């Protein structure tokens, strides 16, 4: 068992699953609850990565591993790794929080929908003014 697997076994929530983050394998793991594990090989540390609320109220962080440096919103990372992503031609798609709680990044709360559907969903629960028809 690797050190990361030991860390996951000791620190994961019941039924929480972790997957390596695409392009950051061996450095970062994302869980279906939206928690990110960082493994720093030089410092020999394994820890949960800190996140912050961005200007729109979503949890975000920065993933760094040469040659990659990526600012990410946690819900997008969870969606990319645990949810079905079906695109419709070249229509703009986005991740929607079904319960409209931007900090609830559990994979079952996320869905990949068109931008138009996302606006309609927001109007339905009164989080967006009815300016778009």
C-alpha atoms as a PDB file:
ATOM      1  CA  UNK A   1       0.000   0.000   0.000  1.00  0.00           C
ATOM      2  CA  UNK A   2       1.401   3.412  -0.973  1.00  0.00           C
ATOM      3  CA  UNK A   3       1.610   6.367   1.411  1.00  0.00           C
ATOM      4  CA  UNK A   4      -1.219   8.102  -0.486  1.00  0.00           C
ATOM      5  CA  UNK A   5      -3.432   5.000  -0.224  1.00  0.00           C
ATOM      6  CA  UNK A   6      -2.717   4.883   3.530  1.00  0.00           C
ATOM      7  CA  UNK A   7      -3.613   8.580   3.830  1.00  0.00           C
ATOM      8  CA  UNK A   8      -6.867   8.016   1.928  1.00  0.00           C
ATOM      9  CA  UNK A   9      -7.768   4.990   4.058  1.00  0.00           C
ATOM     10  CA  UNK A  10      -7.180   6.937   7.291  1.00  0.00           C
ATOM     11  CA  UNK A  11      -8.809  10.230   6.251  1.00  0.00           C
ATOM     12  CA  UNK A  12     -11.627   9.513   3.820  1.00  0.00           C
ATOM     13  CA  UNK A  13     -15.309   9.915   4.601  1.00  0.00           C
ATOM     14  CA  UNK A  14     -17.573   6.847   4.493  1.00  0.00           C
ATOM     15  CA  UNK A  15     -17.908   5.691   0.860  1.00  0.00           C
ATOM     16  CA  UNK A  16     -15.725   8.569  -0.424  1.00  0.00           C
ATOM     17  CA  UNK A  17     -13.805   7.713  -3.608  1.00  0.00           C
ATOM     18  CA  UNK A  18     -10.597   9.319  -4.872  1.00  0.00           C
ATOM     19  CA  UNK A  19      -9.239   9.434  -8.433  1.00  0.00           C
ATOM     20  CA  UNK A  20      -5.944  10.848  -9.725  1.00  0.00           C
ATOM     21  CA  UNK A  21      -6.416  14.276 -11.316  1.00  0.00           C
ATOM     22  CA  UNK A  22      -5.905  14.155 -15.090  1.00  0.00           C
ATOM     23  CA  UNK A  23      -2.464  15.574 -16.092  1.00  0.00           C
ATOM     24  CA  UNK A  24      -1.487  15.663 -12.397  1.00  0.00           C
ATOM     25  CA  UNK A  25      -1.257  11.922 -11.730  1.00  0.00           C
ATOM     26  CA  UNK A  26       0.985  11.151  -8.763  1.00  0.00           C
ATOM     27  CA  UNK A  27       0.576  14.708  -7.416  1.00  0.00           C
ATOM     28  CA  UNK A  28      -3.171  15.364  -6.869  1.00  0.00           C
ATOM     29  CA  UNK A  29      -6.282  13.233  -6.210  1.00  0.00           C
ATOM     30  CA  UNK A  30      -9.898  14.456  -6.266  1.00  0.00           C
ATOM     31  CA  UNK A  31     -12.738  12.872  -4.315  1.00  0.00           C
ATOM     32  CA  UNK A  32     -16.385  12.566  -5.285  1.00  0.00           C
ATOM     33  CA  UNK A  33     -17.095  14.930  -2.349  1.00  0.00           C
ATOM     34  CA  UNK A  34     -14.765  17.604  -3.773  1.00  0.00           C
ATOM     35  CA  UNK A  35     -11.794  17.150  -1.455  1.00  0.00           C
ATOM     36  CA  UNK A  36      -8.336  17.310  -3.053  1.00  0.00           C
ATOM     37  CA  UNK A  37      -5.256  15.474  -1.808  1.00  0.00           C
ATOM     38  CA  UNK A  38      -1.808  16.882  -2.578  1.00  0.00           C
ATOM     39  CA  UNK A  39       1.334  14.734  -2.510  1.00  0.00           C
ATOM     40  CA  UNK A  40       4.540  16.763  -2.476  1.00  0.00           C
ATOM     41  CA  UNK A  41       7.351  14.332  -3.281  1.00  0.00           C
ATOM     42  CA  UNK A  42      10.136  16.801  -2.437  1.00  0.00           C
ATOM     43  CA  UNK A  43       8.769  17.684   1.005  1.00  0.00           C
ATOM     44  CA  UNK A  44       7.428  14.149   1.465  1.00  0.00           C
ATOM     45  CA  UNK A  45       4.048  15.470   2.602  1.00  0.00           C
ATOM     46  CA  UNK A  46       0.518  14.322   1.889  1.00  0.00           C
ATOM     47  CA  UNK A  47      -2.332  16.633   2.851  1.00  0.00           C
ATOM     48  CA  UNK A  48      -5.735  17.945   1.875  1.00  0.00           C
ATOM     49  CA  UNK A  49      -5.304  20.936  -0.393  1.00  0.00           C
ATOM     50  CA  UNK A  50      -6.771  24.195   0.873  1.00  0.00           C
ATOM     51  CA  UNK A  51      -9.444  25.814  -1.260  1.00  0.00           C
ATOM     52  CA  UNK A  52     -10.883  29.317  -1.227  1.00  0.00           C
ATOM     53  CA  UNK A  53     -14.138  30.903  -2.324  1.00  0.00           C
ATOM     54  CA  UNK A  54     -13.671  32.699  -5.621  1.00  0.00           C
ATOM     55  CA  UNK A  55     -15.411  35.950  -6.554  1.00  0.00           C
ATOM     56  CA  UNK A  56     -18.523  34.045  -7.702  1.00  0.00           C
ATOM     57  CA  UNK A  57     -18.829  31.933  -4.537  1.00  0.00           C
ATOM     58  CA  UNK A  58     -17.374  28.644  -5.826  1.00  0.00           C
ATOM     59  CA  UNK A  59     -14.588  26.700  -4.110  1.00  0.00           C
ATOM     60  CA  UNK A  60     -11.410  27.050  -6.174  1.00  0.00           C
ATOM     61  CA  UNK A  61      -7.712  26.252  -5.974  1.00  0.00           C
ATOM     62  CA  UNK A  62      -4.574  26.082  -8.072  1.00  0.00           C
ATOM     63  CA  UNK A  63      -2.900  22.859  -9.185  1.00  0.00           C
ATOM     64  CA  UNK A  64       0.818  23.126  -9.920  1.00  0.00           C
ATOM     65  CA  UNK A  65       3.121  20.505 -11.369  1.00  0.00           C
ATOM     66  CA  UNK A  66       5.585  21.391 -14.112  1.00  0.00           C
ATOM     67  CA  UNK A  67       4.765  21.933 -16.945  1.00  0.00           C
ATOM     68  CA  UNK A  68       1.123  22.357 -15.838  1.00  0.00           C
ATOM     69  CA  UNK A  69      -0.298  25.182 -13.747  1.00  0.00           C
ATOM     70  CA  UNK A  70      -4.086  25.195 -13.626  1.00  0.00           C
ATOM     71  CA  UNK A  71      -6.566  27.314 -11.683  1.00  0.00           C
ATOM     72  CA  UNK A  72      -9.661  25.194 -11.113  1.00  0.00           C
ATOM     73  CA  UNK A  73     -13.080  25.375  -9.572  1.00  0.00           C
ATOM     74  CA  UNK A  74     -13.562  22.285  -7.468  1.00  0.00           C
ATOM     75  CA  UNK A  75     -17.027  21.431  -8.830  1.00  0.00           C
ATOM     76  CA  UNK A  76     -15.660  21.372 -12.379  1.00  0.00           C
ATOM     77  CA  UNK A  77     -12.885  18.995 -11.334  1.00  0.00           C
ATOM     78  CA  UNK A  78     -15.390  16.705  -9.593  1.00  0.00           C
ATOM     79  CA  UNK A  79     -17.661  16.780 -12.634  1.00  0.00           C
ATOM     80  CA  UNK A  80     -14.833  15.969 -15.039  1.00  0.00           C
ATOM     81  CA  UNK A  81     -13.778  12.942 -12.988  1.00  0.00           C
ATOM     82  CA  UNK A  82     -17.031  11.492 -11.593  1.00  0.00           C
ATOM     83  CA  UNK A  83     -19.968  12.637 -13.760  1.00  0.00           C
ATOM     84  CA  UNK A  84     -21.143  11.827 -17.252  1.00  0.00           C
ATOM     85  CA  UNK A  85     -20.238  14.528 -19.764  1.00  0.00           C
ATOM     86  CA  UNK A  86     -22.291  14.420 -22.959  1.00  0.00           C
ATOM     87  CA  UNK A  87     -21.729  17.388 -25.265  1.00  0.00           C
ATOM     88  CA  UNK A  88     -24.268  18.491 -27.841  1.00  0.00           C
ATOM     89  CA  UNK A  89     -22.352  19.543 -30.951  1.00  0.00           C
ATOM     90  CA  UNK A  90     -20.677  22.898 -30.365  1.00  0.00           C
ATOM     91  CA  UNK A  91     -23.288  24.152 -27.874  1.00  0.00           C
ATOM     92  CA  UNK A  92     -21.729  25.688 -24.760  1.00  0.00           C
ATOM     93  CA  UNK A  93     -22.024  23.318 -21.788  1.00  0.00           C
ATOM     94  CA  UNK A  94     -21.609  24.071 -18.087  1.00  0.00           C
ATOM     95  CA  UNK A  95     -21.754  22.369 -14.696  1.00  0.00           C
ATOM     96  CA  UNK A  96     -24.921  22.973 -12.696  1.00  0.00           C
ATOM     97  CA  UNK A  97     -25.397  22.494  -8.956  1.00  0.00           C
ATOM     98  CA  UNK A  98     -28.812  20.823  -8.799  1.00  0.00           C
ATOM     99  CA  UNK A  99     -29.549  22.269  -5.348  1.00  0.00           C
ATOM    100  CA  UNK A 100     -28.013  25.661  -6.344  1.00  0.00           C
ATOM    101  CA  UNK A 101     -25.625  25.556  -3.361  1.00  0.00           C
ATOM    102  CA  UNK A 102     -22.332  26.545  -4.987  1.00  0.00           C
ATOM    103  CA  UNK A 103     -20.276  24.983  -2.202  1.00  0.00           C
ATOM    104  CA  UNK A 104     -21.969  21.549  -2.423  1.00  0.00           C
ATOM    105  CA  UNK A 105     -19.529  19.754  -4.704  1.00  0.00           C
ATOM    106  CA  UNK A 106     -20.775  16.194  -4.161  1.00  0.00           C
ATOM    107  CA  UNK A 107     -20.823  14.471  -7.554  1.00  0.00           C
ATOM    108  CA  UNK A 108     -24.517  13.510  -7.339  1.00  0.00           C
ATOM    109  CA  UNK A 109     -25.355  17.206  -6.983  1.00  0.00           C
ATOM    110  CA  UNK A 110     -23.694  18.092 -10.314  1.00  0.00           C
ATOM    111  CA  UNK A 111     -25.015  17.818 -13.856  1.00  0.00           C
ATOM    112  CA  UNK A 112     -23.540  18.773 -17.226  1.00  0.00           C
ATOM    113  CA  UNK A 113     -26.110  20.915 -19.051  1.00  0.00           C
ATOM    114  CA  UNK A 114     -26.313  23.652 -21.661  1.00  0.00           C
ATOM    115  CA  UNK A 115     -25.843  27.257 -20.597  1.00  0.00           C
ATOM    116  CA  UNK A 116     -29.475  27.924 -21.566  1.00  0.00           C
ATOM    117  CA  UNK A 117     -30.722  25.088 -19.340  1.00  0.00           C
ATOM    118  CA  UNK A 118     -28.564  26.422 -16.515  1.00  0.00           C
ATOM    119  CA  UNK A 119     -30.145  29.893 -16.803  1.00  0.00           C
ATOM    120  CA  UNK A 120     -33.637  28.384 -16.894  1.00  0.00           C
ATOM    121  CA  UNK A 121     -32.842  26.339 -13.773  1.00  0.00           C
ATOM    122  CA  UNK A 122     -31.559  29.467 -12.009  1.00  0.00           C
ATOM    123  CA  UNK A 123     -34.730  31.413 -12.887  1.00  0.00           C
ATOM    124  CA  UNK A 124     -36.865  28.502 -11.706  1.00  0.00           C
ATOM    125  CA  UNK A 125     -35.439  28.777  -8.199  1.00  0.00           C
ATOM    126  CA  UNK A 126     -35.121  32.576  -8.232  1.00  0.00           C
ATOM    127  CA  UNK A 127     -31.344  32.961  -8.320  1.00  0.00           C
ATOM    128  CA  UNK A 128     -31.283  34.812 -11.646  1.00  0.00           C
ATOM    129  CA  UNK A 129     -33.519  37.720 -12.701  1.00  0.00           C
ATOM    130  CA  UNK A 130     -35.849  36.972 -15.577  1.00  0.00           C
ATOM    131  CA  UNK A 131     -33.969  39.144 -18.084  1.00  0.00           C
ATOM    132  CA  UNK A 132     -33.211  36.361 -20.521  1.00  0.00           C
ATOM    133  CA  UNK A 133     -36.101  34.869 -22.448  1.00  0.00           C
END
